Amino acid sequence: MNTVIRVVSALLLMSLPSVAEQQGVQDELLDHMSGNWVMRGTIGGNQVTHDLVAGWVLGHQYLRFHEVAREVDGEGVPAYESIVFIGWNETIGRYTCLWLDVTGSGARFPEGTGYAEPAVDELAFVFDTGDDSAIHTTFTYDRESDVWHWLIEIERGAKHSTFARVSLTRQ
């Protein structure tokens, strides 16, 4: 009888969601990214303005942001659009970022997945694009002004070049 009770108890415990699953990711830094933002700066040598909406999804496991350029082509289609998921991977002790955009580069795995070590007020993601190259995407939060600064650098061998430098301010 004791064996049956232990087996039933074990099965019930296994079927219950863990505390982490119930609460989702609790991350103060990512909480600061949640909201509606205007992104302004330079990308690929061009001045840009994008709208960005960020919020928690999938049981508070991921911060998703949706970025859309205000610049449009001749048919009225935004010049750029992305959907990005940032989460915490407890197993490896790093942030994970999945970047999906209109260029299709995020759909090529693992190139569309970046990792960042935990740091104070910074998410410094590295996306390994293969062939001794990577994309470094660093989000830095300025608590005093409630502004995010975003730097994207391209690494090819030993050479680094700046691709984007933008700031996000709340709408």
N, C-alpha and C. Protein backbone atom coordinates (compact mmCIF):
# COMPACT_ATOMS: atom_id res chain seq x y z
N MET A 1 0.82 -1.19 0.00
CA MET A 1 0.00 0.00 0.00
C MET A 1 0.87 1.27 0.00
N ASN A 2 1.95 1.26 0.84
CA ASN A 2 2.84 2.41 0.88
C ASN A 2 3.47 2.67 -0.48
N THR A 3 3.78 1.63 -1.22
CA THR A 3 4.37 1.78 -2.56
C THR A 3 3.39 2.46 -3.49
N VAL A 4 2.13 2.08 -3.45
CA VAL A 4 1.11 2.70 -4.31
C VAL A 4 0.96 4.17 -3.97
N ILE A 5 0.94 4.52 -2.70
CA ILE A 5 0.81 5.92 -2.29
C ILE A 5 2.02 6.72 -2.76
N ARG A 6 3.22 6.15 -2.63
CA ARG A 6 4.42 6.85 -3.10
C ARG A 6 4.40 7.08 -4.60
N VAL A 7 3.97 6.06 -5.36
CA VAL A 7 3.92 6.17 -6.82
C VAL A 7 2.90 7.23 -7.22
N VAL A 8 1.72 7.19 -6.64
CA VAL A 8 0.67 8.17 -6.96
C VAL A 8 1.14 9.57 -6.58
N SER A 9 1.75 9.71 -5.42
CA SER A 9 2.26 11.02 -4.98
C SER A 9 3.32 11.54 -5.94
N ALA A 10 4.23 10.67 -6.36
CA ALA A 10 5.28 11.08 -7.29
C ALA A 10 4.68 11.52 -8.62
N LEU A 11 3.70 10.79 -9.13
CA LEU A 11 3.05 11.16 -10.39
C LEU A 11 2.33 12.50 -10.27
N LEU A 12 1.67 12.73 -9.17
CA LEU A 12 1.00 14.02 -8.97
C LEU A 12 1.99 15.16 -8.91
N LEU A 13 3.09 14.97 -8.19
CA LEU A 13 4.10 16.01 -8.11
C LEU A 13 4.73 16.30 -9.47
N MET A 14 4.96 15.27 -10.27
CA MET A 14 5.55 15.46 -11.60
C MET A 14 4.59 16.20 -12.53
N SER A 15 3.30 16.06 -12.32
CA SER A 15 2.34 16.70 -13.22
C SER A 15 2.08 18.15 -12.85
N LEU A 16 2.47 18.56 -11.65
CA LEU A 16 2.28 19.95 -11.25
C LEU A 16 3.37 20.83 -11.84
N PRO A 17 3.02 22.03 -12.31
CA PRO A 17 4.06 22.93 -12.83
C PRO A 17 4.98 23.36 -11.70
N SER A 18 6.25 23.54 -12.05
CA SER A 18 7.22 23.99 -11.05
C SER A 18 6.93 25.44 -10.68
N VAL A 19 7.54 25.90 -9.59
CA VAL A 19 7.37 27.29 -9.16
C VAL A 19 7.84 28.23 -10.26
N ALA A 20 8.96 27.90 -10.93
CA ALA A 20 9.48 28.75 -12.01
C ALA A 20 8.48 28.84 -13.15
N GLU A 21 7.84 27.71 -13.50
CA GLU A 21 6.86 27.73 -14.58
C GLU A 21 5.65 28.56 -14.20
N GLN A 22 5.24 28.51 -12.93
CA GLN A 22 4.09 29.27 -12.49
C GLN A 22 4.37 30.76 -12.50
N GLN A 23 5.58 31.15 -12.06
CA GLN A 23 5.90 32.56 -11.92
C GLN A 23 6.53 33.14 -13.18
N GLY A 24 7.06 32.33 -14.05
CA GLY A 24 7.77 32.82 -15.22
C GLY A 24 9.11 33.42 -14.82
N VAL A 25 9.72 34.08 -15.75
CA VAL A 25 11.02 34.70 -15.52
C VAL A 25 10.81 36.00 -14.75
N GLN A 26 11.53 36.15 -13.67
CA GLN A 26 11.50 37.38 -12.89
C GLN A 26 12.84 38.07 -13.12
N ASP A 27 12.84 39.14 -13.91
CA ASP A 27 14.09 39.79 -14.28
C ASP A 27 13.88 41.29 -14.33
N GLU A 28 14.47 41.99 -13.38
CA GLU A 28 14.29 43.44 -13.27
C GLU A 28 14.77 44.17 -14.52
N LEU A 29 15.91 43.74 -15.08
CA LEU A 29 16.44 44.43 -16.25
C LEU A 29 15.49 44.31 -17.44
N LEU A 30 15.00 43.10 -17.70
CA LEU A 30 14.05 42.93 -18.79
C LEU A 30 12.74 43.66 -18.52
N ASP A 31 12.33 43.74 -17.25
CA ASP A 31 11.13 44.51 -16.92
C ASP A 31 11.25 45.95 -17.38
N HIS A 32 12.47 46.51 -17.31
CA HIS A 32 12.68 47.90 -17.74
C HIS A 32 12.54 48.06 -19.25
N MET A 33 12.64 46.97 -19.99
CA MET A 33 12.48 47.06 -21.44
C MET A 33 11.01 46.97 -21.86
N SER A 34 10.18 46.48 -20.98
CA SER A 34 8.76 46.34 -21.29
C SER A 34 8.12 47.71 -21.48
N GLY A 35 7.33 47.85 -22.52
CA GLY A 35 6.63 49.12 -22.77
C GLY A 35 6.67 49.51 -24.24
N ASN A 36 6.25 50.75 -24.50
CA ASN A 36 6.22 51.30 -25.86
C ASN A 36 7.36 52.29 -26.01
N TRP A 37 8.12 52.13 -27.09
CA TRP A 37 9.34 52.90 -27.30
C TRP A 37 9.40 53.49 -28.70
N VAL A 38 10.14 54.59 -28.82
CA VAL A 38 10.53 55.13 -30.12
C VAL A 38 12.03 54.97 -30.20
N MET A 39 12.48 54.37 -31.29
CA MET A 39 13.89 54.11 -31.50
C MET A 39 14.40 55.07 -32.57
N ARG A 40 15.43 55.83 -32.23
CA ARG A 40 16.01 56.78 -33.17
C ARG A 40 17.53 56.63 -33.18
N GLY A 41 18.09 56.79 -34.36
CA GLY A 41 19.54 56.72 -34.48
C GLY A 41 19.96 56.36 -35.88
N THR A 42 21.10 55.69 -35.97
CA THR A 42 21.68 55.36 -37.26
C THR A 42 21.80 53.84 -37.40
N ILE A 43 21.30 53.32 -38.51
CA ILE A 43 21.45 51.91 -38.85
C ILE A 43 21.97 51.84 -40.27
N GLY A 44 23.09 51.16 -40.47
CA GLY A 44 23.67 51.04 -41.80
C GLY A 44 23.97 52.37 -42.45
N GLY A 45 24.32 53.38 -41.64
CA GLY A 45 24.64 54.70 -42.16
C GLY A 45 23.43 55.58 -42.42
N ASN A 46 22.23 55.08 -42.19
CA ASN A 46 21.00 55.85 -42.43
C ASN A 46 20.32 56.23 -41.12
N GLN A 47 19.79 57.46 -41.08
CA GLN A 47 19.00 57.89 -39.93
C GLN A 47 17.66 57.16 -39.97
N VAL A 48 17.24 56.61 -38.84
CA VAL A 48 15.99 55.84 -38.78
C VAL A 48 15.17 56.23 -37.57
N THR A 49 13.88 55.95 -37.69
CA THR A 49 12.96 56.03 -36.57
C THR A 49 12.08 54.80 -36.65
N HIS A 50 12.08 54.03 -35.58
CA HIS A 50 11.27 52.81 -35.50
C HIS A 50 10.40 52.88 -34.25
N ASP A 51 9.29 52.19 -34.31
CA ASP A 51 8.45 52.00 -33.13
C ASP A 51 8.71 50.60 -32.61
N LEU A 52 8.75 50.47 -31.29
CA LEU A 52 9.05 49.19 -30.67
C LEU A 52 8.11 48.99 -29.49
N VAL A 53 7.43 47.85 -29.47
CA VAL A 53 6.54 47.49 -28.37
C VAL A 53 7.09 46.22 -27.74
N ALA A 54 7.31 46.25 -26.42
CA ALA A 54 7.88 45.10 -25.72
C ALA A 54 6.99 44.70 -24.56
N GLY A 55 6.83 43.39 -24.37
CA GLY A 55 6.05 42.90 -23.25
C GLY A 55 6.29 41.42 -23.03
N TRP A 56 5.93 40.96 -21.85
CA TRP A 56 6.11 39.55 -21.48
C TRP A 56 5.07 38.68 -22.16
N VAL A 57 5.49 37.50 -22.64
CA VAL A 57 4.60 36.55 -23.31
C VAL A 57 4.90 35.13 -22.84
N LEU A 58 4.02 34.22 -23.21
CA LEU A 58 4.18 32.79 -22.96
C LEU A 58 4.46 32.50 -21.48
N GLY A 59 3.49 32.93 -20.66
CA GLY A 59 3.59 32.67 -19.23
C GLY A 59 4.72 33.42 -18.56
N HIS A 60 5.06 34.60 -19.08
CA HIS A 60 6.11 35.45 -18.51
C HIS A 60 7.48 34.76 -18.62
N GLN A 61 7.64 33.93 -19.68
CA GLN A 61 8.92 33.25 -19.90
C GLN A 61 9.84 34.04 -20.82
N TYR A 62 9.25 34.87 -21.69
CA TYR A 62 10.04 35.60 -22.69
C TYR A 62 9.55 37.04 -22.75
N LEU A 63 10.50 37.95 -22.93
CA LEU A 63 10.15 39.31 -23.27
C LEU A 63 10.17 39.37 -24.80
N ARG A 64 9.05 39.73 -25.38
CA ARG A 64 8.97 39.83 -26.85
C ARG A 64 8.93 41.30 -27.21
N PHE A 65 9.74 41.66 -28.20
CA PHE A 65 9.52 42.99 -28.75
C PHE A 65 9.30 42.92 -30.24
N HIS A 66 8.45 43.81 -30.67
CA HIS A 66 8.07 43.94 -32.08
C HIS A 66 8.54 45.32 -32.52
N GLU A 67 9.44 45.32 -33.48
CA GLU A 67 10.03 46.56 -33.98
C GLU A 67 9.57 46.78 -35.41
N VAL A 68 9.10 48.00 -35.70
CA VAL A 68 8.64 48.33 -37.05
C VAL A 68 9.19 49.70 -37.43
N ALA A 69 9.82 49.77 -38.60
CA ALA A 69 10.35 51.04 -39.11
C ALA A 69 9.22 51.97 -39.52
N ARG A 70 9.38 53.24 -39.25
CA ARG A 70 8.43 54.23 -39.76
C ARG A 70 8.70 54.50 -41.24
N GLU A 71 9.94 54.27 -41.67
CA GLU A 71 10.30 54.44 -43.08
C GLU A 71 9.62 53.33 -43.89
N VAL A 72 9.06 53.69 -45.03
CA VAL A 72 8.35 52.71 -45.86
C VAL A 72 8.90 52.74 -47.28
N ASP A 73 8.64 51.63 -48.01
CA ASP A 73 9.05 51.58 -49.41
C ASP A 73 7.95 52.20 -50.28
N GLY A 74 8.09 52.10 -51.58
CA GLY A 74 7.14 52.69 -52.52
C GLY A 74 5.73 52.14 -52.41
N GLU A 75 5.59 50.95 -51.84
CA GLU A 75 4.28 50.32 -51.67
C GLU A 75 3.72 50.51 -50.27
N GLY A 76 4.40 51.30 -49.45
CA GLY A 76 3.94 51.55 -48.09
C GLY A 76 4.30 50.48 -47.08
N VAL A 77 5.18 49.55 -47.47
CA VAL A 77 5.60 48.48 -46.57
C VAL A 77 6.77 48.99 -45.72
N PRO A 78 6.74 48.76 -44.40
CA PRO A 78 7.85 49.22 -43.58
C PRO A 78 9.20 48.69 -44.08
N ALA A 79 10.21 49.55 -44.02
CA ALA A 79 11.54 49.19 -44.50
C ALA A 79 12.16 48.08 -43.66
N TYR A 80 11.72 47.93 -42.43
CA TYR A 80 12.26 46.89 -41.56
C TYR A 80 11.21 46.51 -40.53
N GLU A 81 11.21 45.22 -40.17
CA GLU A 81 10.34 44.73 -39.11
C GLU A 81 10.99 43.51 -38.48
N SER A 82 10.88 43.41 -37.16
CA SER A 82 11.41 42.24 -36.46
C SER A 82 10.52 41.88 -35.28
N ILE A 83 10.60 40.62 -34.91
CA ILE A 83 10.02 40.12 -33.67
C ILE A 83 11.15 39.39 -32.96
N VAL A 84 11.39 39.79 -31.71
CA VAL A 84 12.53 39.29 -30.96
C VAL A 84 12.03 38.73 -29.63
N PHE A 85 12.57 37.59 -29.24
CA PHE A 85 12.25 36.97 -27.96
C PHE A 85 13.52 36.89 -27.12
N ILE A 86 13.46 37.43 -25.90
CA ILE A 86 14.58 37.36 -24.97
C ILE A 86 14.12 36.61 -23.73
N GLY A 87 14.89 35.63 -23.31
CA GLY A 87 14.55 34.87 -22.12
C GLY A 87 15.79 34.51 -21.33
N TRP A 88 15.58 33.92 -20.19
CA TRP A 88 16.69 33.48 -19.34
C TRP A 88 16.77 31.97 -19.41
N ASN A 89 17.94 31.45 -19.73
CA ASN A 89 18.14 30.01 -19.79
C ASN A 89 18.87 29.58 -18.51
N GLU A 90 18.11 29.03 -17.58
CA GLU A 90 18.66 28.64 -16.29
C GLU A 90 19.73 27.57 -16.44
N THR A 91 19.56 26.68 -17.40
CA THR A 91 20.50 25.57 -17.59
C THR A 91 21.91 26.06 -17.90
N ILE A 92 22.03 27.07 -18.75
CA ILE A 92 23.36 27.56 -19.13
C ILE A 92 23.73 28.87 -18.43
N GLY A 93 22.80 29.43 -17.66
CA GLY A 93 23.10 30.64 -16.89
C GLY A 93 23.33 31.86 -17.75
N ARG A 94 22.61 31.95 -18.87
CA ARG A 94 22.76 33.09 -19.78
C ARG A 94 21.39 33.50 -20.33
N TYR A 95 21.34 34.73 -20.81
CA TYR A 95 20.18 35.18 -21.55
C TYR A 95 20.25 34.57 -22.95
N THR A 96 19.09 34.28 -23.50
CA THR A 96 19.01 33.77 -24.86
C THR A 96 18.11 34.71 -25.66
N CYS A 97 18.48 34.98 -26.89
CA CYS A 97 17.71 35.88 -27.74
C CYS A 97 17.49 35.23 -29.10
N LEU A 98 16.24 35.16 -29.51
CA LEU A 98 15.89 34.69 -30.85
C LEU A 98 15.41 35.89 -31.65
N TRP A 99 16.10 36.18 -32.75
CA TRP A 99 15.84 37.38 -33.56
C TRP A 99 15.27 36.95 -34.90
N LEU A 100 14.04 37.32 -35.15
CA LEU A 100 13.37 37.02 -36.42
C LEU A 100 13.04 38.34 -37.10
N ASP A 101 13.46 38.50 -38.35
CA ASP A 101 13.17 39.76 -39.04
C ASP A 101 12.93 39.53 -40.52
N VAL A 102 12.63 40.63 -41.22
CA VAL A 102 12.29 40.54 -42.63
C VAL A 102 13.46 40.14 -43.51
N THR A 103 14.67 40.16 -42.97
CA THR A 103 15.83 39.71 -43.76
C THR A 103 15.90 38.19 -43.81
N GLY A 104 15.19 37.52 -42.91
CA GLY A 104 15.19 36.06 -42.88
C GLY A 104 16.39 35.47 -42.18
N SER A 105 17.30 36.31 -41.68
CA SER A 105 18.53 35.79 -41.07
C SER A 105 18.25 35.04 -39.78
N GLY A 106 17.21 35.39 -39.05
CA GLY A 106 16.90 34.71 -37.80
C GLY A 106 16.42 33.29 -38.01
N ALA A 107 15.88 33.00 -39.19
CA ALA A 107 15.37 31.67 -39.46
C ALA A 107 16.49 30.68 -39.73
N ARG A 108 17.71 31.19 -39.93
CA ARG A 108 18.87 30.30 -40.12
C ARG A 108 19.48 30.03 -38.76
N PHE A 109 19.15 28.89 -38.22
CA PHE A 109 19.65 28.57 -36.88
C PHE A 109 21.02 27.94 -36.99
N PRO A 110 21.95 28.21 -36.14
CA PRO A 110 21.79 28.97 -34.91
C PRO A 110 22.07 30.46 -35.07
N GLU A 111 22.29 30.97 -36.30
CA GLU A 111 22.66 32.37 -36.49
C GLU A 111 21.66 33.34 -35.89
N GLY A 112 20.39 32.98 -35.85
CA GLY A 112 19.36 33.87 -35.31
C GLY A 112 19.25 33.81 -33.81
N THR A 113 20.11 33.03 -33.15
CA THR A 113 20.07 32.91 -31.70
C THR A 113 21.36 33.47 -31.10
N GLY A 114 21.19 34.39 -30.15
CA GLY A 114 22.34 34.98 -29.48
C GLY A 114 22.29 34.71 -28.00
N TYR A 115 23.44 34.86 -27.36
CA TYR A 115 23.56 34.60 -25.93
C TYR A 115 24.26 35.78 -25.27
N ALA A 116 23.83 36.08 -24.03
CA ALA A 116 24.45 37.16 -23.25
C ALA A 116 24.66 36.70 -21.82
N GLU A 117 25.83 37.02 -21.30
CA GLU A 117 26.13 36.75 -19.90
C GLU A 117 25.38 37.77 -19.05
N PRO A 118 24.99 37.41 -17.83
CA PRO A 118 24.32 38.40 -16.97
C PRO A 118 25.28 39.53 -16.62
N ALA A 119 24.78 40.75 -16.65
CA ALA A 119 25.57 41.94 -16.31
C ALA A 119 24.63 43.01 -15.80
N VAL A 120 25.17 43.97 -15.06
CA VAL A 120 24.35 45.06 -14.53
C VAL A 120 23.99 46.01 -15.66
N ASP A 121 22.70 46.19 -15.89
CA ASP A 121 22.16 47.16 -16.85
C ASP A 121 22.67 46.98 -18.28
N GLU A 122 23.03 45.75 -18.64
CA GLU A 122 23.51 45.50 -20.00
C GLU A 122 23.16 44.09 -20.44
N LEU A 123 22.73 43.99 -21.68
CA LEU A 123 22.52 42.71 -22.35
C LEU A 123 23.40 42.73 -23.59
N ALA A 124 24.52 42.03 -23.53
CA ALA A 124 25.49 42.03 -24.63
C ALA A 124 25.41 40.69 -25.35
N PHE A 125 24.52 40.62 -26.33
CA PHE A 125 24.30 39.38 -27.06
C PHE A 125 25.35 39.20 -28.15
N VAL A 126 25.76 37.96 -28.34
CA VAL A 126 26.65 37.59 -29.43
C VAL A 126 25.92 36.56 -30.27
N PHE A 127 25.78 36.85 -31.56
CA PHE A 127 25.16 35.95 -32.52
C PHE A 127 26.28 35.43 -33.41
N ASP A 128 26.59 34.15 -33.28
CA ASP A 128 27.66 33.54 -34.07
C ASP A 128 27.13 33.27 -35.47
N THR A 129 27.69 33.95 -36.46
CA THR A 129 27.23 33.80 -37.83
C THR A 129 28.12 32.87 -38.64
N GLY A 130 29.10 32.25 -37.97
CA GLY A 130 29.98 31.29 -38.65
C GLY A 130 31.11 31.97 -39.38
N ASP A 131 32.01 31.15 -39.91
CA ASP A 131 33.14 31.64 -40.70
C ASP A 131 33.90 32.77 -40.00
N ASP A 132 34.16 32.60 -38.68
CA ASP A 132 34.94 33.56 -37.92
C ASP A 132 34.29 34.95 -37.90
N SER A 133 32.95 34.98 -37.90
CA SER A 133 32.25 36.25 -37.83
C SER A 133 31.10 36.15 -36.83
N ALA A 134 30.68 37.31 -36.34
CA ALA A 134 29.59 37.37 -35.36
C ALA A 134 28.95 38.74 -35.40
N ILE A 135 27.75 38.81 -34.86
CA ILE A 135 27.06 40.08 -34.67
C ILE A 135 26.97 40.29 -33.17
N HIS A 136 27.45 41.44 -32.71
CA HIS A 136 27.39 41.81 -31.30
C HIS A 136 26.29 42.85 -31.16
N THR A 137 25.25 42.51 -30.42
CA THR A 137 24.11 43.39 -30.20
C THR A 137 24.03 43.67 -28.71
N THR A 138 24.35 44.91 -28.33
CA THR A 138 24.42 45.27 -26.92
C THR A 138 23.34 46.30 -26.58
N PHE A 139 22.49 45.93 -25.63
CA PHE A 139 21.49 46.83 -25.08
C PHE A 139 22.02 47.32 -23.73
N THR A 140 22.10 48.64 -23.54
CA THR A 140 22.56 49.20 -22.27
C THR A 140 21.46 50.11 -21.73
N TYR A 141 21.08 49.86 -20.47
CA TYR A 141 19.99 50.62 -19.86
C TYR A 141 20.54 51.74 -19.00
N ASP A 142 20.05 52.98 -19.24
CA ASP A 142 20.40 54.14 -18.43
C ASP A 142 19.24 54.38 -17.47
N ARG A 143 19.42 53.97 -16.23
CA ARG A 143 18.35 54.05 -15.23
C ARG A 143 17.91 55.49 -14.95
N GLU A 144 18.86 56.42 -14.92
CA GLU A 144 18.52 57.81 -14.59
C GLU A 144 17.58 58.43 -15.61
N SER A 145 17.78 58.12 -16.88
CA SER A 145 16.94 58.72 -17.92
C SER A 145 15.87 57.77 -18.45
N ASP A 146 15.88 56.50 -17.99
CA ASP A 146 14.96 55.48 -18.47
C ASP A 146 15.04 55.37 -20.00
N VAL A 147 16.27 55.27 -20.49
CA VAL A 147 16.55 55.16 -21.93
C VAL A 147 17.42 53.93 -22.15
N TRP A 148 17.14 53.21 -23.23
CA TRP A 148 17.99 52.09 -23.66
C TRP A 148 18.86 52.58 -24.81
N HIS A 149 20.13 52.26 -24.76
CA HIS A 149 21.05 52.52 -25.86
C HIS A 149 21.38 51.16 -26.48
N TRP A 150 21.46 51.15 -27.78
CA TRP A 150 21.57 49.90 -28.49
C TRP A 150 22.69 50.04 -29.52
N LEU A 151 23.67 49.16 -29.45
CA LEU A 151 24.81 49.17 -30.36
C LEU A 151 24.90 47.82 -31.05
N ILE A 152 25.01 47.84 -32.38
CA ILE A 152 25.20 46.60 -33.14
C ILE A 152 26.53 46.72 -33.88
N GLU A 153 27.40 45.75 -33.62
CA GLU A 153 28.71 45.71 -34.26
C GLU A 153 28.85 44.40 -35.03
N ILE A 154 29.48 44.49 -36.17
CA ILE A 154 29.75 43.31 -36.99
C ILE A 154 31.21 42.93 -36.81
N GLU A 155 31.44 41.67 -36.50
CA GLU A 155 32.80 41.16 -36.33
C GLU A 155 33.11 40.21 -37.49
N ARG A 156 34.18 40.50 -38.20
CA ARG A 156 34.68 39.62 -39.26
C ARG A 156 36.16 39.41 -39.00
N GLY A 157 36.50 38.23 -38.48
CA GLY A 157 37.87 37.99 -38.05
C GLY A 157 38.20 38.90 -36.89
N ALA A 158 39.29 39.64 -37.01
CA ALA A 158 39.71 40.56 -35.95
C ALA A 158 39.12 41.96 -36.12
N LYS A 159 38.39 42.18 -37.21
CA LYS A 159 37.87 43.50 -37.51
C LYS A 159 36.43 43.66 -36.99
N HIS A 160 36.19 44.78 -36.28
CA HIS A 160 34.86 45.14 -35.80
C HIS A 160 34.42 46.43 -36.47
N SER A 161 33.17 46.49 -36.91
CA SER A 161 32.63 47.73 -37.46
C SER A 161 31.25 47.98 -36.87
N THR A 162 30.94 49.24 -36.69
CA THR A 162 29.64 49.61 -36.13
C THR A 162 28.60 49.61 -37.24
N PHE A 163 27.53 48.87 -37.03
CA PHE A 163 26.43 48.81 -37.98
C PHE A 163 25.27 49.71 -37.54
N ALA A 164 25.00 49.75 -36.23
CA ALA A 164 23.87 50.55 -35.73
C ALA A 164 24.19 51.13 -34.37
N ARG A 165 23.69 52.33 -34.16
CA ARG A 165 23.77 52.99 -32.85
C ARG A 165 22.47 53.78 -32.70
N VAL A 166 21.60 53.28 -31.81
CA VAL A 166 20.28 53.89 -31.63
C VAL A 166 19.97 54.02 -30.14
N SER A 167 18.94 54.82 -29.84
CA SER A 167 18.43 54.95 -28.48
C SER A 167 16.93 54.75 -28.49
N LEU A 168 16.44 54.14 -27.43
CA LEU A 168 15.01 53.91 -27.26
C LEU A 168 14.49 54.76 -26.13
N THR A 169 13.49 55.60 -26.42
CA THR A 169 12.85 56.43 -25.42
C THR A 169 11.38 56.04 -25.35
N ARG A 170 10.81 56.16 -24.17
CA ARG A 170 9.41 55.77 -23.99
C ARG A 170 8.48 56.70 -24.74
N GLN A 171 7.43 56.12 -25.28
CA GLN A 171 6.39 56.91 -25.96
C GLN A 171 5.46 57.49 -24.95
